[in-house]
Amino acid sequence: MKHPPIEHYTTFLYTRNLQLTAHFYEELMGLPVALDQGDCRIYRVAENGFLGFCERKEAPSDPGGVILTLVTEEVDRWYALLKDQGVTFEMEPVYNPRYDIYHCFLRDPNGYLVEIQRFEDPGWVDVV
């Protein structure tokens, strides 16, 4: 039996402060709001990829173990754009030979680790 298609992908995360999160993802990152549900906002990250934040009291104060990876050919441009807006980076852009990627890291206002990454492996082109 063939599996039915999946048309979209959305990851939902909790936040204690939706306004601060909205400012970061809308103003600093420039992500368009796909849907505002009041206590949840869903952002379009790619054509069929979405990221949602819901304001909840039980949001983790230290969300370790979560990495939001945004894949782009323009790692250096993202780094410069966000740095110019006062965003602090945990790691400047660097090549990682183990995974054959070029990437940098920052934290969003919730403490989630955000990676901006480019695949250097030519095999990745066959995947997307």
N, C-alpha and C. Protein backbone atom coordinates (compact mmCIF):
# COMPACT_ATOMS: atom_id res chain seq x y z
N MET A 1 0.84 -1.19 0.00
CA MET A 1 0.00 0.00 0.00
C MET A 1 0.89 1.25 0.00
N LYS A 2 0.59 2.16 -0.88
CA LYS A 2 1.35 3.40 -0.97
C LYS A 2 0.88 4.37 0.12
N HIS A 3 1.83 5.05 0.73
CA HIS A 3 1.50 6.02 1.77
C HIS A 3 0.89 7.27 1.13
N PRO A 4 -0.12 7.86 1.78
CA PRO A 4 -0.69 9.10 1.25
C PRO A 4 0.32 10.24 1.38
N PRO A 5 0.20 11.26 0.55
CA PRO A 5 1.17 12.37 0.59
C PRO A 5 1.01 13.23 1.83
N ILE A 6 2.09 13.87 2.20
CA ILE A 6 2.07 14.90 3.25
C ILE A 6 2.33 16.21 2.54
N GLU A 7 1.40 17.15 2.63
CA GLU A 7 1.48 18.38 1.86
C GLU A 7 2.26 19.50 2.54
N HIS A 8 2.29 19.50 3.87
CA HIS A 8 2.93 20.59 4.61
C HIS A 8 3.60 20.01 5.83
N TYR A 9 4.50 20.81 6.41
CA TYR A 9 5.16 20.43 7.65
C TYR A 9 5.12 21.62 8.60
N THR A 10 4.67 21.38 9.83
CA THR A 10 4.65 22.43 10.85
C THR A 10 5.21 21.87 12.15
N THR A 11 6.10 22.63 12.77
CA THR A 11 6.57 22.32 14.11
C THR A 11 5.97 23.36 15.04
N PHE A 12 5.38 22.92 16.13
CA PHE A 12 4.84 23.83 17.15
C PHE A 12 5.71 23.77 18.39
N LEU A 13 6.02 24.95 18.91
CA LEU A 13 6.79 25.07 20.14
C LEU A 13 6.05 26.01 21.09
N TYR A 14 6.31 25.85 22.37
CA TYR A 14 5.69 26.72 23.37
C TYR A 14 6.56 27.94 23.65
N THR A 15 5.90 29.02 24.03
CA THR A 15 6.57 30.23 24.46
C THR A 15 5.83 30.80 25.66
N ARG A 16 6.55 31.46 26.53
CA ARG A 16 5.92 32.16 27.65
C ARG A 16 5.55 33.59 27.26
N ASN A 17 6.14 34.10 26.17
CA ASN A 17 5.92 35.48 25.77
C ASN A 17 5.76 35.54 24.24
N LEU A 18 4.52 35.47 23.78
CA LEU A 18 4.26 35.45 22.35
C LEU A 18 4.63 36.78 21.68
N GLN A 19 4.46 37.90 22.39
CA GLN A 19 4.82 39.19 21.80
C GLN A 19 6.31 39.29 21.50
N LEU A 20 7.13 38.88 22.45
CA LEU A 20 8.58 38.90 22.25
C LEU A 20 8.98 37.92 21.14
N THR A 21 8.37 36.76 21.13
CA THR A 21 8.63 35.77 20.09
C THR A 21 8.21 36.30 18.73
N ALA A 22 7.03 36.94 18.67
CA ALA A 22 6.54 37.51 17.41
C ALA A 22 7.49 38.58 16.90
N HIS A 23 7.97 39.43 17.80
CA HIS A 23 8.91 40.47 17.38
C HIS A 23 10.15 39.83 16.75
N PHE A 24 10.69 38.81 17.38
CA PHE A 24 11.89 38.16 16.87
C PHE A 24 11.65 37.55 15.49
N TYR A 25 10.62 36.72 15.36
CA TYR A 25 10.41 36.00 14.11
C TYR A 25 9.81 36.86 13.00
N GLU A 26 9.00 37.85 13.36
CA GLU A 26 8.39 38.71 12.34
C GLU A 26 9.29 39.88 11.96
N GLU A 27 9.81 40.59 12.95
CA GLU A 27 10.59 41.80 12.67
C GLU A 27 12.05 41.49 12.37
N LEU A 28 12.71 40.71 13.21
CA LEU A 28 14.13 40.44 13.01
C LEU A 28 14.38 39.40 11.92
N MET A 29 13.63 38.31 11.96
CA MET A 29 13.81 37.24 10.97
C MET A 29 13.01 37.49 9.69
N GLY A 30 11.98 38.32 9.77
CA GLY A 30 11.18 38.64 8.58
C GLY A 30 10.30 37.51 8.09
N LEU A 31 9.94 36.58 8.97
CA LEU A 31 9.07 35.48 8.55
C LEU A 31 7.62 35.96 8.46
N PRO A 32 6.93 35.63 7.39
CA PRO A 32 5.53 36.04 7.27
C PRO A 32 4.62 35.19 8.15
N VAL A 33 3.62 35.84 8.72
CA VAL A 33 2.63 35.14 9.53
C VAL A 33 1.67 34.43 8.57
N ALA A 34 1.61 33.12 8.67
CA ALA A 34 0.68 32.35 7.84
C ALA A 34 -0.70 32.32 8.48
N LEU A 35 -0.73 32.28 9.83
CA LEU A 35 -2.00 32.25 10.54
C LEU A 35 -1.78 32.75 11.97
N ASP A 36 -2.62 33.69 12.38
CA ASP A 36 -2.60 34.21 13.75
C ASP A 36 -3.85 33.68 14.44
N GLN A 37 -3.66 32.83 15.43
CA GLN A 37 -4.77 32.22 16.16
C GLN A 37 -4.94 32.82 17.55
N GLY A 38 -4.42 34.02 17.75
CA GLY A 38 -4.53 34.66 19.06
C GLY A 38 -3.39 34.25 19.96
N ASP A 39 -3.50 33.09 20.60
CA ASP A 39 -2.43 32.63 21.49
C ASP A 39 -1.42 31.75 20.77
N CYS A 40 -1.59 31.54 19.46
CA CYS A 40 -0.63 30.82 18.62
C CYS A 40 -0.44 31.58 17.31
N ARG A 41 0.80 31.65 16.87
CA ARG A 41 1.12 32.23 15.56
C ARG A 41 1.92 31.22 14.77
N ILE A 42 1.56 31.09 13.50
CA ILE A 42 2.23 30.15 12.62
C ILE A 42 2.93 30.95 11.53
N TYR A 43 4.22 30.68 11.36
CA TYR A 43 5.06 31.39 10.40
C TYR A 43 5.42 30.48 9.23
N ARG A 44 5.42 31.06 8.03
CA ARG A 44 5.89 30.33 6.86
C ARG A 44 7.41 30.47 6.83
N VAL A 45 8.08 29.32 6.87
CA VAL A 45 9.54 29.29 6.84
C VAL A 45 10.03 28.97 5.43
N ALA A 46 9.31 28.11 4.74
CA ALA A 46 9.62 27.71 3.37
C ALA A 46 8.29 27.46 2.67
N GLU A 47 8.35 27.08 1.42
CA GLU A 47 7.12 26.91 0.64
C GLU A 47 6.07 26.08 1.38
N ASN A 48 6.45 24.94 1.90
CA ASN A 48 5.52 24.08 2.61
C ASN A 48 6.00 23.74 4.02
N GLY A 49 6.80 24.64 4.59
CA GLY A 49 7.32 24.42 5.93
C GLY A 49 6.93 25.57 6.85
N PHE A 50 6.41 25.23 8.02
CA PHE A 50 5.88 26.23 8.94
C PHE A 50 6.42 26.00 10.34
N LEU A 51 6.46 27.10 11.10
CA LEU A 51 6.89 27.07 12.49
C LEU A 51 5.85 27.81 13.31
N GLY A 52 5.31 27.14 14.31
CA GLY A 52 4.27 27.75 15.13
C GLY A 52 4.72 27.91 16.57
N PHE A 53 4.30 29.00 17.19
CA PHE A 53 4.55 29.24 18.62
C PHE A 53 3.23 29.48 19.31
N CYS A 54 3.03 28.77 20.40
CA CYS A 54 1.82 28.93 21.21
C CYS A 54 2.22 29.38 22.61
N GLU A 55 1.54 30.41 23.09
CA GLU A 55 1.84 30.93 24.42
C GLU A 55 1.20 30.02 25.46
N ARG A 56 2.06 29.48 26.31
CA ARG A 56 1.62 28.55 27.36
C ARG A 56 2.43 28.80 28.62
N LYS A 57 1.76 28.72 29.77
CA LYS A 57 2.46 28.88 31.06
C LYS A 57 3.49 27.78 31.26
N GLU A 58 3.22 26.60 30.73
CA GLU A 58 4.12 25.46 30.94
C GLU A 58 5.26 25.40 29.92
N ALA A 59 5.48 26.48 29.17
CA ALA A 59 6.60 26.52 28.23
C ALA A 59 7.90 26.32 29.00
N PRO A 60 8.82 25.55 28.44
CA PRO A 60 10.07 25.31 29.16
C PRO A 60 10.89 26.58 29.32
N SER A 61 11.47 26.76 30.50
CA SER A 61 12.33 27.93 30.71
C SER A 61 13.71 27.69 30.12
N ASP A 62 14.09 26.44 29.94
CA ASP A 62 15.36 26.09 29.31
C ASP A 62 15.10 24.98 28.30
N PRO A 63 14.77 25.35 27.06
CA PRO A 63 14.38 24.33 26.07
C PRO A 63 15.57 23.62 25.43
N GLY A 64 16.39 23.00 26.23
CA GLY A 64 17.55 22.28 25.70
C GLY A 64 17.13 21.10 24.84
N GLY A 65 17.99 20.75 23.91
CA GLY A 65 17.73 19.59 23.07
C GLY A 65 16.94 19.90 21.81
N VAL A 66 16.54 21.16 21.62
CA VAL A 66 15.80 21.55 20.44
C VAL A 66 16.68 22.46 19.59
N ILE A 67 16.81 22.12 18.31
CA ILE A 67 17.52 22.98 17.37
C ILE A 67 16.59 23.24 16.20
N LEU A 68 16.32 24.52 15.94
CA LEU A 68 15.54 24.92 14.77
C LEU A 68 16.56 25.22 13.67
N THR A 69 16.62 24.39 12.65
CA THR A 69 17.59 24.57 11.58
C THR A 69 16.91 25.16 10.36
N LEU A 70 17.41 26.32 9.95
CA LEU A 70 16.91 27.01 8.77
C LEU A 70 17.98 26.85 7.69
N VAL A 71 17.63 26.21 6.59
CA VAL A 71 18.59 25.91 5.54
C VAL A 71 18.52 26.96 4.44
N THR A 72 19.68 27.52 4.10
CA THR A 72 19.76 28.56 3.09
C THR A 72 21.16 28.56 2.47
N GLU A 73 21.25 29.01 1.25
CA GLU A 73 22.55 29.22 0.61
C GLU A 73 23.21 30.49 1.15
N GLU A 74 22.45 31.34 1.79
CA GLU A 74 22.88 32.69 2.19
C GLU A 74 23.20 32.81 3.68
N VAL A 75 23.98 31.90 4.23
CA VAL A 75 24.32 31.92 5.66
C VAL A 75 24.97 33.24 6.05
N ASP A 76 25.95 33.68 5.29
CA ASP A 76 26.67 34.91 5.63
C ASP A 76 25.76 36.13 5.58
N ARG A 77 24.86 36.18 4.63
CA ARG A 77 23.94 37.32 4.54
C ARG A 77 22.98 37.33 5.73
N TRP A 78 22.48 36.15 6.13
CA TRP A 78 21.62 36.09 7.32
C TRP A 78 22.40 36.53 8.56
N TYR A 79 23.62 36.05 8.68
CA TYR A 79 24.45 36.42 9.82
C TYR A 79 24.62 37.94 9.89
N ALA A 80 24.98 38.56 8.77
CA ALA A 80 25.19 40.01 8.75
C ALA A 80 23.90 40.77 9.04
N LEU A 81 22.80 40.33 8.44
CA LEU A 81 21.51 41.00 8.65
C LEU A 81 21.10 40.97 10.12
N LEU A 82 21.17 39.80 10.73
CA LEU A 82 20.75 39.67 12.13
C LEU A 82 21.73 40.35 13.08
N LYS A 83 23.01 40.25 12.79
CA LYS A 83 24.03 40.91 13.61
C LYS A 83 23.81 42.43 13.59
N ASP A 84 23.49 42.98 12.42
CA ASP A 84 23.22 44.42 12.29
C ASP A 84 22.00 44.85 13.09
N GLN A 85 21.10 43.90 13.38
CA GLN A 85 19.90 44.20 14.16
C GLN A 85 20.11 43.93 15.65
N GLY A 86 21.34 43.62 16.03
CA GLY A 86 21.65 43.44 17.43
C GLY A 86 21.50 42.03 17.96
N VAL A 87 21.28 41.06 17.08
CA VAL A 87 21.15 39.67 17.51
C VAL A 87 22.53 39.15 17.91
N THR A 88 22.59 38.49 19.05
CA THR A 88 23.82 37.90 19.54
C THR A 88 23.91 36.46 19.05
N PHE A 89 25.05 36.10 18.51
CA PHE A 89 25.27 34.74 18.01
C PHE A 89 26.09 33.95 18.99
N GLU A 90 25.76 32.68 19.13
CA GLU A 90 26.55 31.78 19.96
C GLU A 90 27.76 31.27 19.19
N MET A 91 27.63 31.22 17.85
CA MET A 91 28.72 30.79 17.01
C MET A 91 28.62 31.49 15.66
N GLU A 92 29.70 32.13 15.26
CA GLU A 92 29.73 32.78 13.94
C GLU A 92 29.77 31.71 12.85
N PRO A 93 29.49 32.09 11.60
CA PRO A 93 29.52 31.10 10.52
C PRO A 93 30.87 30.41 10.41
N VAL A 94 30.80 29.09 10.28
CA VAL A 94 32.01 28.27 10.21
C VAL A 94 31.67 26.99 9.43
N TYR A 95 32.69 26.44 8.80
CA TYR A 95 32.53 25.16 8.10
C TYR A 95 32.69 24.03 9.12
N ASN A 96 31.79 23.05 9.05
CA ASN A 96 31.84 21.87 9.91
C ASN A 96 32.15 20.66 9.03
N PRO A 97 33.41 20.17 9.04
CA PRO A 97 33.78 19.07 8.15
C PRO A 97 33.09 17.75 8.48
N ARG A 98 32.72 17.57 9.73
CA ARG A 98 32.08 16.30 10.12
C ARG A 98 30.78 16.08 9.36
N TYR A 99 29.98 17.15 9.22
CA TYR A 99 28.69 17.03 8.55
C TYR A 99 28.69 17.68 7.17
N ASP A 100 29.81 18.25 6.77
CA ASP A 100 29.95 18.92 5.48
C ASP A 100 28.89 20.01 5.32
N ILE A 101 28.85 20.90 6.34
CA ILE A 101 27.91 22.02 6.35
C ILE A 101 28.64 23.30 6.72
N TYR A 102 28.04 24.41 6.38
CA TYR A 102 28.50 25.74 6.78
C TYR A 102 27.37 26.32 7.59
N HIS A 103 27.63 26.75 8.84
CA HIS A 103 26.51 27.13 9.70
C HIS A 103 26.93 28.08 10.81
N CYS A 104 25.90 28.65 11.46
CA CYS A 104 26.08 29.50 12.64
C CYS A 104 24.91 29.24 13.58
N PHE A 105 25.07 29.67 14.84
CA PHE A 105 24.04 29.45 15.86
C PHE A 105 23.70 30.73 16.60
N LEU A 106 22.44 30.87 16.96
CA LEU A 106 21.95 31.94 17.81
C LEU A 106 20.80 31.37 18.65
N ARG A 107 20.34 32.15 19.61
CA ARG A 107 19.18 31.73 20.41
C ARG A 107 18.05 32.72 20.19
N ASP A 108 16.84 32.18 20.11
CA ASP A 108 15.67 33.07 20.02
C ASP A 108 15.31 33.53 21.43
N PRO A 109 14.32 34.40 21.59
CA PRO A 109 13.99 34.92 22.93
C PRO A 109 13.53 33.85 23.92
N ASN A 110 13.13 32.69 23.44
CA ASN A 110 12.69 31.60 24.30
C ASN A 110 13.82 30.70 24.77
N GLY A 111 15.00 30.90 24.19
CA GLY A 111 16.13 30.05 24.50
C GLY A 111 16.30 28.90 23.52
N TYR A 112 15.43 28.81 22.51
CA TYR A 112 15.60 27.77 21.50
C TYR A 112 16.83 28.08 20.66
N LEU A 113 17.61 27.06 20.39
CA LEU A 113 18.80 27.20 19.57
C LEU A 113 18.37 27.24 18.10
N VAL A 114 18.81 28.26 17.39
CA VAL A 114 18.49 28.42 15.97
C VAL A 114 19.79 28.29 15.19
N GLU A 115 19.79 27.37 14.24
CA GLU A 115 20.95 27.16 13.38
C GLU A 115 20.59 27.64 11.97
N ILE A 116 21.46 28.44 11.40
CA ILE A 116 21.32 28.83 10.00
C ILE A 116 22.41 28.08 9.26
N GLN A 117 22.00 27.27 8.27
CA GLN A 117 22.90 26.27 7.72
C GLN A 117 22.82 26.16 6.20
N ARG A 118 23.96 25.80 5.61
CA ARG A 118 24.02 25.46 4.19
C ARG A 118 24.69 24.09 4.08
N PHE A 119 24.07 23.19 3.34
CA PHE A 119 24.68 21.90 3.08
C PHE A 119 25.74 22.06 2.00
N GLU A 120 26.94 21.56 2.25
CA GLU A 120 28.01 21.57 1.27
C GLU A 120 28.05 20.26 0.50
N ASP A 121 27.47 19.23 1.04
CA ASP A 121 27.43 17.91 0.43
C ASP A 121 26.60 17.96 -0.85
N PRO A 122 27.20 17.67 -2.02
CA PRO A 122 26.43 17.74 -3.27
C PRO A 122 25.28 16.74 -3.32
N GLY A 123 25.31 15.74 -2.46
CA GLY A 123 24.20 14.77 -2.41
C GLY A 123 22.92 15.39 -1.89
N TRP A 124 23.02 16.48 -1.14
CA TRP A 124 21.83 17.13 -0.62
C TRP A 124 20.96 17.69 -1.74
N VAL A 125 21.56 18.13 -2.82
CA VAL A 125 20.81 18.69 -3.95
C VAL A 125 19.84 17.65 -4.50
N ASP A 126 20.22 16.38 -4.46
CA ASP A 126 19.34 15.32 -4.96
C ASP A 126 18.14 15.09 -4.06
N VAL A 127 18.23 15.55 -2.82
CA VAL A 127 17.15 15.34 -1.85
C VAL A 127 16.06 16.40 -2.01
N VAL A 128 16.46 17.63 -2.22
CA VAL A 128 15.49 18.73 -2.29
C VAL A 128 15.08 19.04 -3.71
